Amino acid sequence: MEKTVLDVPKMYADHHVEAVRKALLQLDGVEKVIASSAFKRVVVAHDPERLDAGAIHKALQQAGYAPGEEWELPEIPEGKDDNSAWFQTLQRVTSTDMQDLEMSGDFRKY
């Protein structure tokens, strides 16, 4: 029995752990899979005569969780003043309705 330990940065939640375990347990020769989203690490116990580490890497890559592969973050769009409400400062005027104030009771004074 051989043990292979892999860092899988894309595995950060329980549904990722399930997907990784499912992909690896389908391989012939895998005896046990321990996957942790907290540590982003997978430990695979396998029979080296029936399965090599390259097949494990390939199975993870096909499942979308290639060892050592980080998420690609999208480019942050440049902030441009497009005259939308986001870029406008508006004055807000409010007033208290006296009937609301009278009905609120002593515990709630404005």
PDB file of N, CA and C in Angstrom:
ATOM      1  N   MET A   1       0.853  -1.179   0.000  1.00  0.00           N
ATOM      2  CA  MET A   1       0.000   0.000   0.000  1.00  0.00           C
ATOM      3  C   MET A   1       0.896   1.237   0.000  1.00  0.00           C
ATOM      4  N   GLU A   2       0.613   2.137  -0.921  1.00  0.00           N
ATOM      5  CA  GLU A   2       1.372   3.378  -1.038  1.00  0.00           C
ATOM      6  C   GLU A   2       0.441   4.544  -0.723  1.00  0.00           C
ATOM      7  N   LYS A   3       1.009   5.611  -0.164  1.00  0.00           N
ATOM      8  CA  LYS A   3       0.214   6.789   0.182  1.00  0.00           C
ATOM      9  C   LYS A   3       0.726   7.979  -0.631  1.00  0.00           C
ATOM     10  N   THR A   4      -0.185   8.650  -1.330  1.00  0.00           N
ATOM     11  CA  THR A   4       0.146   9.838  -2.110  1.00  0.00           C
ATOM     12  C   THR A   4      -0.585  11.024  -1.498  1.00  0.00           C
ATOM     13  N   VAL A   5       0.160  12.093  -1.226  1.00  0.00           N
ATOM     14  CA  VAL A   5      -0.410  13.309  -0.632  1.00  0.00           C
ATOM     15  C   VAL A   5      -0.330  14.419  -1.668  1.00  0.00           C
ATOM     16  N   LEU A   6      -1.476  15.062  -1.930  1.00  0.00           N
ATOM     17  CA  LEU A   6      -1.547  16.106  -2.957  1.00  0.00           C
ATOM     18  C   LEU A   6      -2.198  17.367  -2.391  1.00  0.00           C
ATOM     19  N   ASP A   7      -1.659  18.529  -2.765  1.00  0.00           N
ATOM     20  CA  ASP A   7      -2.284  19.802  -2.431  1.00  0.00           C
ATOM     21  C   ASP A   7      -3.236  20.177  -3.551  1.00  0.00           C
ATOM     22  N   VAL A   8      -4.486  20.454  -3.175  1.00  0.00           N
ATOM     23  CA  VAL A   8      -5.528  20.783  -4.156  1.00  0.00           C
ATOM     24  C   VAL A   8      -6.170  22.109  -3.735  1.00  0.00           C
ATOM     25  N   PRO A   9      -5.604  23.263  -4.177  1.00  0.00           N
ATOM     26  CA  PRO A   9      -6.107  24.571  -3.757  1.00  0.00           C
ATOM     27  C   PRO A   9      -7.558  24.861  -4.144  1.00  0.00           C
ATOM     28  N   LYS A  10      -8.060  24.231  -5.209  1.00  0.00           N
ATOM     29  CA  LYS A  10      -9.433  24.507  -5.640  1.00  0.00           C
ATOM     30  C   LYS A  10     -10.473  23.818  -4.758  1.00  0.00           C
ATOM     31  N   MET A  11     -10.049  22.985  -3.853  1.00  0.00           N
ATOM     32  CA  MET A  11     -10.972  22.237  -2.993  1.00  0.00           C
ATOM     33  C   MET A  11     -11.151  23.019  -1.683  1.00  0.00           C
ATOM     34  N   TYR A  12     -12.178  23.876  -1.626  1.00  0.00           N
ATOM     35  CA  TYR A  12     -12.354  24.708  -0.442  1.00  0.00           C
ATOM     36  C   TYR A  12     -13.707  24.518   0.243  1.00  0.00           C
ATOM     37  N   ALA A  13     -14.554  23.639  -0.250  1.00  0.00           N
ATOM     38  CA  ALA A  13     -15.865  23.430   0.360  1.00  0.00           C
ATOM     39  C   ALA A  13     -16.231  21.949   0.309  1.00  0.00           C
ATOM     40  N   ASP A  14     -17.261  21.590   1.054  1.00  0.00           N
ATOM     41  CA  ASP A  14     -17.651  20.184   1.161  1.00  0.00           C
ATOM     42  C   ASP A  14     -18.037  19.560  -0.170  1.00  0.00           C
ATOM     43  N   HIS A  15     -18.696  20.327  -1.038  1.00  0.00           N
ATOM     44  CA  HIS A  15     -19.086  19.736  -2.318  1.00  0.00           C
ATOM     45  C   HIS A  15     -17.858  19.465  -3.197  1.00  0.00           C
ATOM     46  N   HIS A  16     -16.775  20.209  -2.990  1.00  0.00           N
ATOM     47  CA  HIS A  16     -15.536  19.930  -3.700  1.00  0.00           C
ATOM     48  C   HIS A  16     -14.912  18.631  -3.177  1.00  0.00           C
ATOM     49  N   VAL A  17     -14.966  18.447  -1.863  1.00  0.00           N
ATOM     50  CA  VAL A  17     -14.442  17.222  -1.253  1.00  0.00           C
ATOM     51  C   VAL A  17     -15.184  16.004  -1.806  1.00  0.00           C
ATOM     52  N   GLU A  18     -16.506  16.111  -1.904  1.00  0.00           N
ATOM     53  CA  GLU A  18     -17.298  15.003  -2.450  1.00  0.00           C
ATOM     54  C   GLU A  18     -16.906  14.695  -3.897  1.00  0.00           C
ATOM     55  N   ALA A  19     -16.717  15.734  -4.694  1.00  0.00           N
ATOM     56  CA  ALA A  19     -16.357  15.536  -6.106  1.00  0.00           C
ATOM     57  C   ALA A  19     -14.979  14.881  -6.236  1.00  0.00           C
ATOM     58  N   VAL A  20     -14.036  15.309  -5.408  1.00  0.00           N
ATOM     59  CA  VAL A  20     -12.694  14.732  -5.440  1.00  0.00           C
ATOM     60  C   VAL A  20     -12.728  13.276  -5.002  1.00  0.00           C
ATOM     61  N   ARG A  21     -13.436  12.992  -3.918  1.00  0.00           N
ATOM     62  CA  ARG A  21     -13.533  11.610  -3.444  1.00  0.00           C
ATOM     63  C   ARG A  21     -14.184  10.708  -4.490  1.00  0.00           C
ATOM     64  N   LYS A  22     -15.244  11.208  -5.116  1.00  0.00           N
ATOM     65  CA  LYS A  22     -15.948  10.421  -6.137  1.00  0.00           C
ATOM     66  C   LYS A  22     -15.016  10.119  -7.315  1.00  0.00           C
ATOM     67  N   ALA A  23     -14.266  11.120  -7.755  1.00  0.00           N
ATOM     68  CA  ALA A  23     -13.358  10.936  -8.894  1.00  0.00           C
ATOM     69  C   ALA A  23     -12.255   9.932  -8.572  1.00  0.00           C
ATOM     70  N   LEU A  24     -11.747   9.962  -7.358  1.00  0.00           N
ATOM     71  CA  LEU A  24     -10.626   9.088  -7.010  1.00  0.00           C
ATOM     72  C   LEU A  24     -11.064   7.676  -6.635  1.00  0.00           C
ATOM     73  N   LEU A  25     -12.211   7.540  -5.987  1.00  0.00           N
ATOM     74  CA  LEU A  25     -12.659   6.215  -5.585  1.00  0.00           C
ATOM     75  C   LEU A  25     -13.091   5.353  -6.772  1.00  0.00           C
ATOM     76  N   GLN A  26     -13.298   5.967  -7.924  1.00  0.00           N
ATOM     77  CA  GLN A  26     -13.640   5.216  -9.129  1.00  0.00           C
ATOM     78  C   GLN A  26     -12.426   4.517  -9.740  1.00  0.00           C
ATOM     79  N   LEU A  27     -11.229   4.961  -9.364  1.00  0.00           N
ATOM     80  CA  LEU A  27     -10.017   4.395  -9.943  1.00  0.00           C
ATOM     81  C   LEU A  27      -9.732   3.015  -9.365  1.00  0.00           C
ATOM     82  N   ASP A  28      -9.321   2.118 -10.246  1.00  0.00           N
ATOM     83  CA  ASP A  28      -8.964   0.769  -9.827  1.00  0.00           C
ATOM     84  C   ASP A  28      -7.635   0.820  -9.077  1.00  0.00           C
ATOM     85  N   GLY A  29      -7.620   0.353  -7.849  1.00  0.00           N
ATOM     86  CA  GLY A  29      -6.406   0.348  -7.043  1.00  0.00           C
ATOM     87  C   GLY A  29      -6.445   1.314  -5.884  1.00  0.00           C
ATOM     88  N   VAL A  30      -7.432   2.215  -5.868  1.00  0.00           N
ATOM     89  CA  VAL A  30      -7.567   3.153  -4.750  1.00  0.00           C
ATOM     90  C   VAL A  30      -8.260   2.435  -3.604  1.00  0.00           C
ATOM     91  N   GLU A  31      -7.617   2.444  -2.455  1.00  0.00           N
ATOM     92  CA  GLU A  31      -8.170   1.786  -1.272  1.00  0.00           C
ATOM     93  C   GLU A  31      -8.901   2.779  -0.364  1.00  0.00           C
ATOM     94  N   LYS A  32      -8.322   3.978  -0.203  1.00  0.00           N
ATOM     95  CA  LYS A  32      -8.882   4.944   0.744  1.00  0.00           C
ATOM     96  C   LYS A  32      -8.528   6.351   0.283  1.00  0.00           C
ATOM     97  N   VAL A  33      -9.473   7.283   0.461  1.00  0.00           N
ATOM     98  CA  VAL A  33      -9.246   8.690   0.120  1.00  0.00           C
ATOM     99  C   VAL A  33      -9.635   9.536   1.326  1.00  0.00           C
ATOM    100  N   ILE A  34      -8.705  10.353   1.774  1.00  0.00           N
ATOM    101  CA  ILE A  34      -8.986  11.324   2.829  1.00  0.00           C
ATOM    102  C   ILE A  34      -8.798  12.695   2.200  1.00  0.00           C
ATOM    103  N   ALA A  35      -9.851  13.494   2.182  1.00  0.00           N
ATOM    104  CA  ALA A  35      -9.794  14.819   1.568  1.00  0.00           C
ATOM    105  C   ALA A  35     -10.243  15.852   2.592  1.00  0.00           C
ATOM    106  N   SER A  36      -9.521  16.965   2.662  1.00  0.00           N
ATOM    107  CA  SER A  36      -9.836  18.023   3.615  1.00  0.00           C
ATOM    108  C   SER A  36      -9.940  19.358   2.894  1.00  0.00           C
ATOM    109  N   SER A  37     -11.101  19.988   3.004  1.00  0.00           N
ATOM    110  CA  SER A  37     -11.255  21.319   2.416  1.00  0.00           C
ATOM    111  C   SER A  37     -10.575  22.371   3.291  1.00  0.00           C
ATOM    112  N   ALA A  38     -10.426  22.106   4.584  1.00  0.00           N
ATOM    113  CA  ALA A  38      -9.754  23.047   5.479  1.00  0.00           C
ATOM    114  C   ALA A  38      -8.267  23.161   5.143  1.00  0.00           C
ATOM    115  N   PHE A  39      -7.633  22.024   4.880  1.00  0.00           N
ATOM    116  CA  PHE A  39      -6.212  22.017   4.564  1.00  0.00           C
ATOM    117  C   PHE A  39      -5.939  21.994   3.066  1.00  0.00           C
ATOM    118  N   LYS A  40      -6.997  21.835   2.273  1.00  0.00           N
ATOM    119  CA  LYS A  40      -6.883  21.756   0.807  1.00  0.00           C
ATOM    120  C   LYS A  40      -5.878  20.667   0.408  1.00  0.00           C
ATOM    121  N   ARG A  41      -6.033  19.512   1.040  1.00  0.00           N
ATOM    122  CA  ARG A  41      -5.103  18.410   0.829  1.00  0.00           C
ATOM    123  C   ARG A  41      -5.866  17.106   0.673  1.00  0.00           C
ATOM    124  N   VAL A  42      -5.327  16.222  -0.174  1.00  0.00           N
ATOM    125  CA  VAL A  42      -5.911  14.903  -0.416  1.00  0.00           C
ATOM    126  C   VAL A  42      -4.843  13.854  -0.135  1.00  0.00           C
ATOM    127  N   VAL A  43      -5.228  12.835   0.618  1.00  0.00           N
ATOM    128  CA  VAL A  43      -4.345  11.697   0.871  1.00  0.00           C
ATOM    129  C   VAL A  43      -5.011  10.477   0.245  1.00  0.00           C
ATOM    130  N   VAL A  44      -4.278   9.819  -0.657  1.00  0.00           N
ATOM    131  CA  VAL A  44      -4.813   8.672  -1.380  1.00  0.00           C
ATOM    132  C   VAL A  44      -3.968   7.445  -1.040  1.00  0.00           C
ATOM    133  N   ALA A  45      -4.615   6.434  -0.468  1.00  0.00           N
ATOM    134  CA  ALA A  45      -3.950   5.156  -0.233  1.00  0.00           C
ATOM    135  C   ALA A  45      -4.302   4.252  -1.409  1.00  0.00           C
ATOM    136  N   HIS A  46      -3.266   3.755  -2.102  1.00  0.00           N
ATOM    137  CA  HIS A  46      -3.520   2.970  -3.315  1.00  0.00           C
ATOM    138  C   HIS A  46      -2.478   1.870  -3.473  1.00  0.00           C
ATOM    139  N   ASP A  47      -2.809   0.914  -4.300  1.00  0.00           N
ATOM    140  CA  ASP A  47      -1.918  -0.190  -4.634  1.00  0.00           C
ATOM    141  C   ASP A  47      -1.022   0.271  -5.782  1.00  0.00           C
ATOM    142  N   PRO A  48       0.293   0.404  -5.563  1.00  0.00           N
ATOM    143  CA  PRO A  48       1.177   0.921  -6.609  1.00  0.00           C
ATOM    144  C   PRO A  48       1.298   0.009  -7.828  1.00  0.00           C
ATOM    145  N   GLU A  49       0.957  -1.252  -7.676  1.00  0.00           N
ATOM    146  CA  GLU A  49       1.037  -2.169  -8.818  1.00  0.00           C
ATOM    147  C   GLU A  49      -0.137  -1.988  -9.778  1.00  0.00           C
ATOM    148  N   ARG A  50      -1.250  -1.497  -9.249  1.00  0.00           N
ATOM    149  CA  ARG A  50      -2.437  -1.304 -10.094  1.00  0.00           C
ATOM    150  C   ARG A  50      -2.657   0.152 -10.485  1.00  0.00           C
ATOM    151  N   LEU A  51      -2.039   1.078  -9.750  1.00  0.00           N
ATOM    152  CA  LEU A  51      -2.306   2.504  -9.994  1.00  0.00           C
ATOM    153  C   LEU A  51      -1.067   3.324  -9.653  1.00  0.00           C
ATOM    154  N   ASP A  52      -0.692   4.234 -10.546  1.00  0.00           N
ATOM    155  CA  ASP A  52       0.444   5.110 -10.253  1.00  0.00           C
ATOM    156  C   ASP A  52      -0.052   6.526  -9.962  1.00  0.00           C
ATOM    157  N   ALA A  53       0.848   7.358  -9.462  1.00  0.00           N
ATOM    158  CA  ALA A  53       0.488   8.724  -9.084  1.00  0.00           C
ATOM    159  C   ALA A  53       0.031   9.544 -10.292  1.00  0.00           C
ATOM    160  N   GLY A  54       0.542   9.230 -11.472  1.00  0.00           N
ATOM    161  CA  GLY A  54       0.134   9.961 -12.681  1.00  0.00           C
ATOM    162  C   GLY A  54      -1.342   9.795 -12.985  1.00  0.00           C
ATOM    163  N   ALA A  55      -1.876   8.615 -12.747  1.00  0.00           N
ATOM    164  CA  ALA A  55      -3.308   8.372 -12.976  1.00  0.00           C
ATOM    165  C   ALA A  55      -4.152   9.151 -11.961  1.00  0.00           C
ATOM    166  N   ILE A  56      -3.639   9.290 -10.769  1.00  0.00           N
ATOM    167  CA  ILE A  56      -4.352  10.065  -9.742  1.00  0.00           C
ATOM    168  C   ILE A  56      -4.395  11.529 -10.153  1.00  0.00           C
ATOM    169  N   HIS A  57      -3.252  12.057 -10.589  1.00  0.00           N
ATOM    170  CA  HIS A  57      -3.197  13.448 -11.061  1.00  0.00           C
ATOM    171  C   HIS A  57      -4.160  13.663 -12.228  1.00  0.00           C
ATOM    172  N   LYS A  58      -4.167  12.730 -13.158  1.00  0.00           N
ATOM    173  CA  LYS A  58      -5.031  12.846 -14.341  1.00  0.00           C
ATOM    174  C   LYS A  58      -6.514  12.835 -13.944  1.00  0.00           C
ATOM    175  N   ALA A  59      -6.894  11.962 -13.018  1.00  0.00           N
ATOM    176  CA  ALA A  59      -8.291  11.891 -12.575  1.00  0.00           C
ATOM    177  C   ALA A  59      -8.720  13.189 -11.888  1.00  0.00           C
ATOM    178  N   LEU A  60      -7.826  13.749 -11.084  1.00  0.00           N
ATOM    179  CA  LEU A  60      -8.144  15.024 -10.430  1.00  0.00           C
ATOM    180  C   LEU A  60      -8.250  16.154 -11.449  1.00  0.00           C
ATOM    181  N   GLN A  61      -7.371  16.154 -12.424  1.00  0.00           N
ATOM    182  CA  GLN A  61      -7.402  17.188 -13.454  1.00  0.00           C
ATOM    183  C   GLN A  61      -8.693  17.109 -14.267  1.00  0.00           C
ATOM    184  N   GLN A  62      -9.122  15.902 -14.610  1.00  0.00           N
ATOM    185  CA  GLN A  62     -10.358  15.728 -15.367  1.00  0.00           C
ATOM    186  C   GLN A  62     -11.575  16.150 -14.545  1.00  0.00           C
ATOM    187  N   ALA A  63     -11.493  16.011 -13.233  1.00  0.00           N
ATOM    188  CA  ALA A  63     -12.596  16.423 -12.363  1.00  0.00           C
ATOM    189  C   ALA A  63     -12.593  17.931 -12.114  1.00  0.00           C
ATOM    190  N   GLY A  64     -11.528  18.629 -12.553  1.00  0.00           N
ATOM    191  CA  GLY A  64     -11.452  20.081 -12.374  1.00  0.00           C
ATOM    192  C   GLY A  64     -10.690  20.500 -11.138  1.00  0.00           C
ATOM    193  N   TYR A  65      -9.968  19.582 -10.523  1.00  0.00           N
ATOM    194  CA  TYR A  65      -9.233  19.865  -9.289  1.00  0.00           C
ATOM    195  C   TYR A  65      -7.775  19.451  -9.431  1.00  0.00           C
ATOM    196  N   ALA A  66      -7.092  19.984 -10.415  1.00  0.00           N
ATOM    197  CA  ALA A  66      -5.698  19.614 -10.665  1.00  0.00           C
ATOM    198  C   ALA A  66      -4.835  19.991  -9.458  1.00  0.00           C
ATOM    199  N   PRO A  67      -3.969  19.094  -9.021  1.00  0.00           N
ATOM    200  CA  PRO A  67      -3.099  19.396  -7.879  1.00  0.00           C
ATOM    201  C   PRO A  67      -2.235  20.620  -8.142  1.00  0.00           C
ATOM    202  N   GLY A  68      -2.192  21.515  -7.166  1.00  0.00           N
ATOM    203  CA  GLY A  68      -1.372  22.720  -7.266  1.00  0.00           C
ATOM    204  C   GLY A  68      -1.950  23.822  -8.117  1.00  0.00           C
ATOM    205  N   GLU A  69      -3.084  23.608  -8.742  1.00  0.00           N
ATOM    206  CA  GLU A  69      -3.672  24.610  -9.643  1.00  0.00           C
ATOM    207  C   GLU A  69      -4.568  25.563  -8.854  1.00  0.00           C
ATOM    208  N   GLU A  70      -4.251  26.838  -8.933  1.00  0.00           N
ATOM    209  CA  GLU A  70      -5.028  27.876  -8.244  1.00  0.00           C
ATOM    210  C   GLU A  70      -6.176  28.345  -9.133  1.00  0.00           C
ATOM    211  N   TRP A  71      -7.168  28.974  -8.502  1.00  0.00           N
ATOM    212  CA  TRP A  71      -8.272  29.579  -9.249  1.00  0.00           C
ATOM    213  C   TRP A  71      -7.749  30.771 -10.028  1.00  0.00           C
ATOM    214  N   GLU A  72      -8.257  30.953 -11.237  1.00  0.00           N
ATOM    215  CA  GLU A  72      -7.934  32.148 -12.007  1.00  0.00           C
ATOM    216  C   GLU A  72      -8.965  33.212 -11.672  1.00  0.00           C
ATOM    217  N   LEU A  73      -8.487  34.320 -11.140  1.00  0.00           N
ATOM    218  CA  LEU A  73      -9.391  35.395 -10.759  1.00  0.00           C
ATOM    219  C   LEU A  73      -9.620  36.325 -11.946  1.00  0.00           C
ATOM    220  N   PRO A  74     -10.851  36.780 -12.117  1.00  0.00           N
ATOM    221  CA  PRO A  74     -11.127  37.692 -13.236  1.00  0.00           C
ATOM    222  C   PRO A  74     -10.484  39.052 -12.988  1.00  0.00           C
ATOM    223  N   GLU A  75     -10.244  39.751 -14.057  1.00  0.00           N
ATOM    224  CA  GLU A  75      -9.705  41.105 -13.949  1.00  0.00           C
ATOM    225  C   GLU A  75     -10.757  42.022 -13.332  1.00  0.00           C
ATOM    226  N   ILE A  76     -10.313  42.911 -12.473  1.00  0.00           N
ATOM    227  CA  ILE A  76     -11.224  43.865 -11.846  1.00  0.00           C
ATOM    228  C   ILE A  76     -11.481  44.988 -12.849  1.00  0.00           C
ATOM    229  N   PRO A  77     -12.758  45.267 -13.132  1.00  0.00           N
ATOM    230  CA  PRO A  77     -13.042  46.329 -14.099  1.00  0.00           C
ATOM    231  C   PRO A  77     -12.630  47.691 -13.543  1.00  0.00           C
ATOM    232  N   GLU A  78     -12.183  48.532 -14.431  1.00  0.00           N
ATOM    233  CA  GLU A  78     -11.766  49.864 -14.037  1.00  0.00           C
ATOM    234  C   GLU A  78     -13.006  50.709 -13.740  1.00  0.00           C
ATOM    235  N   GLY A  79     -12.972  51.461 -12.637  1.00  0.00           N
ATOM    236  CA  GLY A  79     -14.102  52.311 -12.276  1.00  0.00           C
ATOM    237  C   GLY A  79     -14.171  53.522 -13.187  1.00  0.00           C
ATOM    238  N   LYS A  80     -15.262  53.665 -13.881  1.00  0.00           N
ATOM    239  CA  LYS A  80     -15.433  54.794 -14.793  1.00  0.00           C
ATOM    240  C   LYS A  80     -16.734  55.492 -14.467  1.00  0.00           C
ATOM    241  N   ASP A  81     -16.676  56.805 -14.411  1.00  0.00           N
ATOM    242  CA  ASP A  81     -17.878  57.597 -14.148  1.00  0.00           C
ATOM    243  C   ASP A  81     -18.764  57.562 -15.386  1.00  0.00           C
ATOM    244  N   ASP A  82     -19.885  56.838 -15.265  1.00  0.00           N
ATOM    245  CA  ASP A  82     -20.794  56.708 -16.400  1.00  0.00           C
ATOM    246  C   ASP A  82     -22.121  57.429 -16.153  1.00  0.00           C
ATOM    247  N   ASN A  83     -22.112  58.377 -15.239  1.00  0.00           N
ATOM    248  CA  ASN A  83     -23.291  59.168 -14.868  1.00  0.00           C
ATOM    249  C   ASN A  83     -24.423  58.322 -14.302  1.00  0.00           C
ATOM    250  N   SER A  84     -24.101  57.138 -13.832  1.00  0.00           N
ATOM    251  CA  SER A  84     -25.121  56.315 -13.186  1.00  0.00           C
ATOM    252  C   SER A  84     -25.318  56.799 -11.751  1.00  0.00           C
ATOM    253  N   ALA A  85     -26.335  56.276 -11.098  1.00  0.00           N
ATOM    254  CA  ALA A  85     -26.644  56.686  -9.726  1.00  0.00           C
ATOM    255  C   ALA A  85     -25.482  56.373  -8.779  1.00  0.00           C
ATOM    256  N   TRP A  86     -24.686  55.396  -9.107  1.00  0.00           N
ATOM    257  CA  TRP A  86     -23.561  55.025  -8.251  1.00  0.00           C
ATOM    258  C   TRP A  86     -22.567  56.180  -8.104  1.00  0.00           C
ATOM    259  N   PHE A  87     -22.407  56.993  -9.135  1.00  0.00           N
ATOM    260  CA  PHE A  87     -21.433  58.074  -9.127  1.00  0.00           C
ATOM    261  C   PHE A  87     -22.052  59.429  -8.806  1.00  0.00           C
ATOM    262  N   GLN A  88     -23.311  59.458  -8.413  1.00  0.00           N
ATOM    263  CA  GLN A  88     -23.969  60.726  -8.106  1.00  0.00           C
ATOM    264  C   GLN A  88     -24.216  60.847  -6.610  1.00  0.00           C
ATOM    265  N   THR A  89     -24.031  62.043  -6.103  1.00  0.00           N
ATOM    266  CA  THR A  89     -24.329  62.318  -4.706  1.00  0.00           C
ATOM    267  C   THR A  89     -25.654  63.063  -4.669  1.00  0.00           C
ATOM    268  N   LEU A  90     -26.632  62.474  -3.994  1.00  0.00           N
ATOM    269  CA  LEU A  90     -27.947  63.090  -3.914  1.00  0.00           C
ATOM    270  C   LEU A  90     -28.241  63.440  -2.462  1.00  0.00           C
ATOM    271  N   GLN A  91     -28.919  64.564  -2.281  1.00  0.00           N
ATOM    272  CA  GLN A  91     -29.295  64.974  -0.936  1.00  0.00           C
ATOM    273  C   GLN A  91     -30.620  64.312  -0.589  1.00  0.00           C
ATOM    274  N   ARG A  92     -30.699  63.768   0.597  1.00  0.00           N
ATOM    275  CA  ARG A  92     -31.917  63.096   1.036  1.00  0.00           C
ATOM    276  C   ARG A  92     -32.506  63.869   2.200  1.00  0.00           C
ATOM    277  N   VAL A  93     -33.774  64.220   2.079  1.00  0.00           N
ATOM    278  CA  VAL A  93     -34.453  64.968   3.124  1.00  0.00           C
ATOM    279  C   VAL A  93     -35.574  64.103   3.671  1.00  0.00           C
ATOM    280  N   THR A  94     -35.606  63.949   4.985  1.00  0.00           N
ATOM    281  CA  THR A  94     -36.662  63.162   5.613  1.00  0.00           C
ATOM    282  C   THR A  94     -37.302  63.986   6.721  1.00  0.00           C
ATOM    283  N   SER A  95     -38.506  63.600   7.048  1.00  0.00           N
ATOM    284  CA  SER A  95     -39.181  64.254   8.174  1.00  0.00           C
ATOM    285  C   SER A  95     -39.992  63.201   8.911  1.00  0.00           C
ATOM    286  N   THR A  96     -40.207  63.433  10.199  1.00  0.00           N
ATOM    287  CA  THR A  96     -40.928  62.487  11.039  1.00  0.00           C
ATOM    288  C   THR A  96     -42.407  62.842  11.032  1.00  0.00           C
ATOM    289  N   ASP A  97     -43.240  61.846  10.812  1.00  0.00           N
ATOM    290  CA  ASP A  97     -44.682  62.026  10.877  1.00  0.00           C
ATOM    291  C   ASP A  97     -45.063  62.043  12.358  1.00  0.00           C
ATOM    292  N   MET A  98     -45.695  63.095  12.797  1.00  0.00           N
ATOM    293  CA  MET A  98     -46.016  63.268  14.213  1.00  0.00           C
ATOM    294  C   MET A  98     -46.971  62.186  14.719  1.00  0.00           C
ATOM    295  N   GLN A  99     -47.843  61.653  13.866  1.00  0.00           N
ATOM    296  CA  GLN A  99     -48.737  60.579  14.294  1.00  0.00           C
ATOM    297  C   GLN A  99     -47.947  59.316  14.637  1.00  0.00           C
ATOM    298  N   ASP A 100     -46.920  59.024  13.871  1.00  0.00           N
ATOM    299  CA  ASP A 100     -46.056  57.890  14.187  1.00  0.00           C
ATOM    300  C   ASP A 100     -45.386  58.096  15.538  1.00  0.00           C
ATOM    301  N   LEU A 101     -44.951  59.304  15.795  1.00  0.00           N
ATOM    302  CA  LEU A 101     -44.278  59.614  17.044  1.00  0.00           C
ATOM    303  C   LEU A 101     -45.228  59.472  18.232  1.00  0.00           C
ATOM    304  N   GLU A 102     -46.463  59.902  18.064  1.00  0.00           N
ATOM    305  CA  GLU A 102     -47.450  59.810  19.151  1.00  0.00           C
ATOM    306  C   GLU A 102     -47.848  58.358  19.424  1.00  0.00           C
ATOM    307  N   MET A 103     -47.914  57.523  18.372  1.00  0.00           N
ATOM    308  CA  MET A 103     -48.318  56.137  18.556  1.00  0.00           C
ATOM    309  C   MET A 103     -47.175  55.252  19.068  1.00  0.00           C
ATOM    310  N   SER A 104     -45.962  55.712  19.039  1.00  0.00           N
ATOM    311  CA  SER A 104     -44.834  54.858  19.383  1.00  0.00           C
ATOM    312  C   SER A 104     -44.704  54.611  20.878  1.00  0.00           C
ATOM    313  N   GLY A 105     -45.264  55.477  21.688  1.00  0.00           N
ATOM    314  CA  GLY A 105     -45.199  55.274  23.143  1.00  0.00           C
ATOM    315  C   GLY A 105     -43.923  55.862  23.739  1.00  0.00           C
ATOM    316  N   ASP A 106     -43.825  55.730  25.057  1.00  0.00           N
ATOM    317  CA  ASP A 106     -42.696  56.337  25.778  1.00  0.00           C
ATOM    318  C   ASP A 106     -41.368  55.603  25.507  1.00  0.00           C
ATOM    319  N   PHE A 107     -41.433  54.334  25.189  1.00  0.00           N
ATOM    320  CA  PHE A 107     -40.192  53.551  25.012  1.00  0.00           C
ATOM    321  C   PHE A 107     -39.471  53.880  23.716  1.00  0.00           C
ATOM    322  N   ARG A 108     -40.130  54.622  22.824  1.00  0.00           N
ATOM    323  CA  ARG A 108     -39.519  54.883  21.538  1.00  0.00           C
ATOM    324  C   ARG A 108     -39.672  56.336  21.151  1.00  0.00           C
ATOM    325  N   LYS A 109     -38.780  57.153  21.624  1.00  0.00           N
ATOM    326  CA  LYS A 109     -38.802  58.580  21.295  1.00  0.00           C
ATOM    327  C   LYS A 109     -37.761  58.860  20.212  1.00  0.00           C
ATOM    328  N   TYR A 110     -38.145  59.680  19.265  1.00  0.00           N
ATOM    329  CA  TYR A 110     -37.232  60.009  18.167  1.00  0.00           C
ATOM    330  C   TYR A 110     -36.379  61.184  18.520  1.00  0.00           C
TER     331      TYR A 110
END
